[in-house]
C-alpha atoms as a PDB file:
ATOM      1  CA  MET A   1     -19.585  19.572   1.163  1.00  0.00           C
ATOM      2  CA  LEU A   2     -20.735  16.667  -1.012  1.00  0.00           C
ATOM      3  CA  LYS A   3     -17.479  16.767  -2.976  1.00  0.00           C
ATOM      4  CA  ASP A   4     -15.498  16.562   0.266  1.00  0.00           C
ATOM      5  CA  LEU A   5     -17.632  13.644   1.475  1.00  0.00           C
ATOM      6  CA  LEU A   6     -17.102  11.794  -1.814  1.00  0.00           C
ATOM      7  CA  LEU A   7     -13.350  12.422  -1.743  1.00  0.00           C
ATOM      8  CA  ALA A   8     -13.119  11.255   1.883  1.00  0.00           C
ATOM      9  CA  SER A   9     -15.208   8.165   1.161  1.00  0.00           C
ATOM     10  CA  PHE A  10     -13.187   7.231  -1.909  1.00  0.00           C
ATOM     11  CA  HIS A  11      -9.962   7.861   0.017  1.00  0.00           C
ATOM     12  CA  HIS A  12     -11.040   5.466   2.783  1.00  0.00           C
ATOM     13  CA  LEU A  13     -12.282   2.797   0.377  1.00  0.00           C
ATOM     14  CA  LEU A  14      -9.001   2.890  -1.543  1.00  0.00           C
ATOM     15  CA  PHE A  15      -7.049   2.585   1.693  1.00  0.00           C
ATOM     16  CA  PHE A  16      -9.085  -0.460   2.731  1.00  0.00           C
ATOM     17  CA  ALA A  17      -8.518  -1.997  -0.717  1.00  0.00           C
ATOM     18  CA  LEU A  18      -4.778  -1.389  -0.339  1.00  0.00           C
ATOM     19  CA  ILE A  19      -4.817  -3.053   3.085  1.00  0.00           C
ATOM     20  CA  ALA A  20      -6.791  -6.043   1.784  1.00  0.00           C
ATOM     21  CA  MET A  21      -4.338  -6.636  -1.049  1.00  0.00           C
ATOM     22  CA  LEU A  22      -1.309  -6.267   1.195  1.00  0.00           C
ATOM     23  CA  VAL A  23      -2.744  -8.658   3.793  1.00  0.00           C
ATOM     24  CA  THR A  24      -3.549 -11.157   1.052  1.00  0.00           C
ATOM     25  CA  GLU A  25       0.018 -10.914  -0.260  1.00  0.00           C
ATOM     26  CA  SER A  26       1.290 -11.527   3.269  1.00  0.00           C
ATOM     27  CA  VAL A  27      -0.911 -14.607   3.672  1.00  0.00           C
ATOM     28  CA  LEU A  28       0.103 -16.020   0.285  1.00  0.00           C
ATOM     29  CA  LEU A  29       3.782 -15.564   1.116  1.00  0.00           C
ATOM     30  CA  ARG A  30       3.337 -17.683   4.265  1.00  0.00           C
ATOM     31  CA  GLY A  31       2.495 -20.858   2.408  1.00  0.00           C
ATOM     32  CA  ARG A  32       4.017 -22.767  -0.475  1.00  0.00           C
ATOM     33  CA  VAL A  33       4.608 -20.419  -3.389  1.00  0.00           C
ATOM     34  CA  ASP A  34       3.991 -22.288  -6.624  1.00  0.00           C
ATOM     35  CA  GLY A  35       3.006 -21.123 -10.103  1.00  0.00           C
ATOM     36  CA  VAL A  36      -0.607 -20.378  -9.189  1.00  0.00           C
ATOM     37  CA  VAL A  37       0.462 -18.343  -6.163  1.00  0.00           C
ATOM     38  CA  VAL A  38       3.038 -16.450  -8.250  1.00  0.00           C
ATOM     39  CA  GLN A  39       0.275 -15.432 -10.674  1.00  0.00           C
ATOM     40  CA  HIS A  40      -1.979 -14.347  -7.780  1.00  0.00           C
ATOM     41  CA  LEU A  41       0.845 -12.368  -6.177  1.00  0.00           C
ATOM     42  CA  ALA A  42       1.625 -10.539  -9.425  1.00  0.00           C
ATOM     43  CA  ARG A  43      -2.046  -9.593  -9.943  1.00  0.00           C
ATOM     44  CA  LEU A  44      -2.473  -8.533  -6.313  1.00  0.00           C
ATOM     45  CA  ASP A  45       0.656  -6.440  -6.444  1.00  0.00           C
ATOM     46  CA  SER A  46      -0.606  -4.722  -9.573  1.00  0.00           C
ATOM     47  CA  GLY A  47      -3.872  -3.922  -7.795  1.00  0.00           C
ATOM     48  CA  TYR A  48      -1.907  -2.743  -4.771  1.00  0.00           C
ATOM     49  CA  GLY A  49       0.088  -0.348  -6.939  1.00  0.00           C
ATOM     50  CA  MET A  50      -3.017   0.979  -8.673  1.00  0.00           C
ATOM     51  CA  SER A  51      -4.766   1.471  -5.328  1.00  0.00           C
ATOM     52  CA  ALA A  52      -1.739   3.282  -3.927  1.00  0.00           C
ATOM     53  CA  GLY A  53      -1.525   5.557  -6.961  1.00  0.00           C
ATOM     54  CA  LEU A  54      -5.227   6.401  -6.854  1.00  0.00           C
ATOM     55  CA  LEU A  55      -5.008   6.865  -3.091  1.00  0.00           C
ATOM     56  CA  LEU A  56      -2.262   9.428  -3.554  1.00  0.00           C
ATOM     57  CA  VAL A  57      -4.243  11.298  -6.224  1.00  0.00           C
ATOM     58  CA  VAL A  58      -7.425  11.353  -4.130  1.00  0.00           C
ATOM     59  CA  GLY A  59      -5.411  12.351  -1.055  1.00  0.00           C
ATOM     60  CA  LEU A  60      -3.913  15.282  -2.946  1.00  0.00           C
ATOM     61  CA  LEU A  61      -7.382  16.287  -4.125  1.00  0.00           C
ATOM     62  CA  ARG A  62      -8.487  16.272  -0.475  1.00  0.00           C
ATOM     63  CA  VAL A  63      -5.523  18.450   0.479  1.00  0.00           C
ATOM     64  CA  PHE A  64      -6.041  21.056  -2.238  1.00  0.00           C
ATOM     65  CA  GLN A  65      -9.809  20.897  -2.822  1.00  0.00           C
ATOM     66  CA  GLY A  66     -11.184  19.558   0.455  1.00  0.00           C
ATOM     67  CA  VAL A  67     -13.092  21.488   3.115  1.00  0.00           C
ATOM     68  CA  LYS A  68     -10.137  21.745   5.524  1.00  0.00           C
ATOM     69  CA  GLY A  69      -7.894  23.377   2.942  1.00  0.00           C
ATOM     70  CA  TYR A  70      -4.242  22.824   2.217  1.00  0.00           C
ATOM     71  CA  ASP A  71      -3.120  25.026   5.122  1.00  0.00           C
ATOM     72  CA  PHE A  72      -4.513  22.496   7.621  1.00  0.00           C
ATOM     73  CA  TYR A  73      -2.502  19.684   6.048  1.00  0.00           C
ATOM     74  CA  LEU A  74       0.711  21.493   5.220  1.00  0.00           C
ATOM     75  CA  HIS A  75       1.127  22.738   8.808  1.00  0.00           C
ATOM     76  CA  ASN A  76       0.133  19.462  10.419  1.00  0.00           C
ATOM     77  CA  PRO A  77       3.070  17.319  11.630  1.00  0.00           C
ATOM     78  CA  TRP A  78       0.868  14.215  11.743  1.00  0.00           C
ATOM     79  CA  PHE A  79       0.056  14.661   8.058  1.00  0.00           C
ATOM     80  CA  HIS A  80       3.764  14.747   7.285  1.00  0.00           C
ATOM     81  CA  ALA A  81       4.342  11.616   9.380  1.00  0.00           C
ATOM     82  CA  LYS A  82       1.458   9.895   7.590  1.00  0.00           C
ATOM     83  CA  LEU A  83       2.758  10.898   4.177  1.00  0.00           C
ATOM     84  CA  GLY A  84       6.285   9.824   5.143  1.00  0.00           C
ATOM     85  CA  CYS A  85       5.059   6.345   6.096  1.00  0.00           C
ATOM     86  CA  PHE A  86       3.132   6.147   2.817  1.00  0.00           C
ATOM     87  CA  VAL A  87       6.226   7.070   0.802  1.00  0.00           C
ATOM     88  CA  LEU A  88       8.389   4.601   2.750  1.00  0.00           C
ATOM     89  CA  ALA A  89       5.842   1.813   2.189  1.00  0.00           C
ATOM     90  CA  GLY A  90       5.797   2.701  -1.501  1.00  0.00           C
ATOM     91  CA  LEU A  91       9.568   2.550  -1.746  1.00  0.00           C
ATOM     92  CA  LEU A  92       9.661  -0.767   0.117  1.00  0.00           C
ATOM     93  CA  SER A  93       7.046  -2.196  -2.235  1.00  0.00           C
ATOM     94  CA  ILE A  94       9.377  -1.794  -5.210  1.00  0.00           C
ATOM     95  CA  LEU A  95      11.415  -4.905  -4.348  1.00  0.00           C
ATOM     96  CA  PRO A  96       8.407  -7.257  -4.065  1.00  0.00           C
ATOM     97  CA  THR A  97       7.002  -5.849  -7.294  1.00  0.00           C
ATOM     98  CA  ILE A  98      10.249  -6.511  -9.146  1.00  0.00           C
ATOM     99  CA  ARG A  99      10.494 -10.036  -7.678  1.00  0.00           C
ATOM    100  CA  PHE A 100       6.879 -10.912  -8.522  1.00  0.00           C
ATOM    101  CA  LEU A 101       7.419  -9.771 -12.115  1.00  0.00           C
ATOM    102  CA  ARG A 102      10.657 -11.796 -12.351  1.00  0.00           C
ATOM    103  CA  TRP A 103       8.911 -14.831 -10.902  1.00  0.00           C
ATOM    104  CA  ARG A 104       6.082 -14.459 -13.401  1.00  0.00           C
ATOM    105  CA  LYS A 105       8.609 -14.244 -16.249  1.00  0.00           C
ATOM    106  CA  ALA A 106      10.504 -17.283 -14.921  1.00  0.00           C
ATOM    107  CA  LEU A 107       7.217 -19.159 -14.657  1.00  0.00           C
ATOM    108  CA  ALA A 108       6.408 -18.351 -18.280  1.00  0.00           C
ATOM    109  CA  ALA A 109       9.795 -19.758 -19.315  1.00  0.00           C
ATOM    110  CA  ASP A 110       9.544 -22.800 -17.020  1.00  0.00           C
ATOM    111  CA  PRO A 111       6.092 -23.917 -15.803  1.00  0.00           C
ATOM    112  CA  ALA A 112       7.782 -25.878 -12.987  1.00  0.00           C
ATOM    113  CA  PHE A 113       9.452 -22.735 -11.594  1.00  0.00           C
ATOM    114  CA  VAL A 114       9.248 -22.304  -7.819  1.00  0.00           C
ATOM    115  CA  PRO A 115      10.961 -19.339  -6.123  1.00  0.00           C
ATOM    116  CA  ALA A 116      13.625 -20.020  -3.509  1.00  0.00           C
ATOM    117  CA  ALA A 117      12.328 -20.284   0.055  1.00  0.00           C
ATOM    118  CA  GLY A 118      14.791 -17.659   1.292  1.00  0.00           C
ATOM    119  CA  GLU A 119      13.598 -15.183  -1.299  1.00  0.00           C
ATOM    120  CA  VAL A 120       9.971 -15.818  -0.363  1.00  0.00           C
ATOM    121  CA  ALA A 121      10.770 -15.337   3.336  1.00  0.00           C
ATOM    122  CA  ALA A 122      12.577 -12.048   2.637  1.00  0.00           C
ATOM    123  CA  LEU A 123       9.606 -10.707   0.685  1.00  0.00           C
ATOM    124  CA  ALA A 124       7.220 -11.831   3.425  1.00  0.00           C
ATOM    125  CA  ARG A 125       9.221  -9.762   5.928  1.00  0.00           C
ATOM    126  CA  ILE A 126       9.078  -6.700   3.662  1.00  0.00           C
ATOM    127  CA  VAL A 127       5.325  -7.046   3.189  1.00  0.00           C
ATOM    128  CA  ARG A 128       4.803  -7.429   6.951  1.00  0.00           C
ATOM    129  CA  PHE A 129       6.853  -4.273   7.528  1.00  0.00           C
ATOM    130  CA  GLU A 130       4.695  -2.481   4.955  1.00  0.00           C
ATOM    131  CA  LEU A 131       1.676  -3.564   6.988  1.00  0.00           C
ATOM    132  CA  LEU A 132       3.249  -2.032  10.107  1.00  0.00           C
ATOM    133  CA  LEU A 133       3.678   1.205   8.195  1.00  0.00           C
ATOM    134  CA  VAL A 134       0.029   1.033   7.140  1.00  0.00           C
ATOM    135  CA  ALA A 135      -0.949   0.658  10.806  1.00  0.00           C
ATOM    136  CA  ALA A 136       1.175   3.720  11.616  1.00  0.00           C
ATOM    137  CA  ILE A 137      -0.596   5.633   8.830  1.00  0.00           C
ATOM    138  CA  LEU A 138      -3.949   4.860  10.478  1.00  0.00           C
ATOM    139  CA  VAL A 139      -2.680   6.087  13.856  1.00  0.00           C
ATOM    140  CA  PHE A 140      -1.219   9.260  12.321  1.00  0.00           C
ATOM    141  CA  ALA A 141      -4.490   9.880  10.443  1.00  0.00           C
ATOM    142  CA  ALA A 142      -6.417   9.734  13.714  1.00  0.00           C
ATOM    143  CA  MET A 143      -3.890  12.043  15.380  1.00  0.00           C
ATOM    144  CA  MET A 144      -4.027  14.400  12.417  1.00  0.00           C
ATOM    145  CA  ALA A 145      -7.813  14.628  12.578  1.00  0.00           C
ATOM    146  CA  ARG A 146      -7.961  15.127  16.339  1.00  0.00           C
ATOM    147  CA  TYR A 147      -4.885  17.084  17.271  1.00  0.00           C
ATOM    148  CA  GLY A 148      -4.162  19.106  14.156  1.00  0.00           C
ATOM    149  CA  GLY A 149      -0.900  20.962  14.512  1.00  0.00           C
ATOM    150  CA  PHE A 150      -0.736  19.988  18.238  1.00  0.00           C
END
């Protein structure tokens, strides 16, 4: 029981960390993106990726070693919806990650580098969509816990 409680707690804390970093990225992409902001975005995105990776590992540990057992999860349509949103958010996050790394490299080559406004706006839209997927994950998690396999 204690192991399950620790896994659940860590899972929730990682998810909140992921949300915090994604919201912060969204806020930073609303304003003027200069060299300092580029550095912050790159560090945040790295933390976001690490949180997502750890979240997936802890989630899998909950599925295969948690109290409910893998059968509960594998036959639960809400779990599959939740996991699908997580995967989609992960795939969408690839483009911002690549851009932030390119911006950081461009900044190292030219300290006056400022990304194009259109590029910043496009990434802001992607990050906001990722946040919508995160909201859907929370709804599916609640449905999963309460309604099981219907």
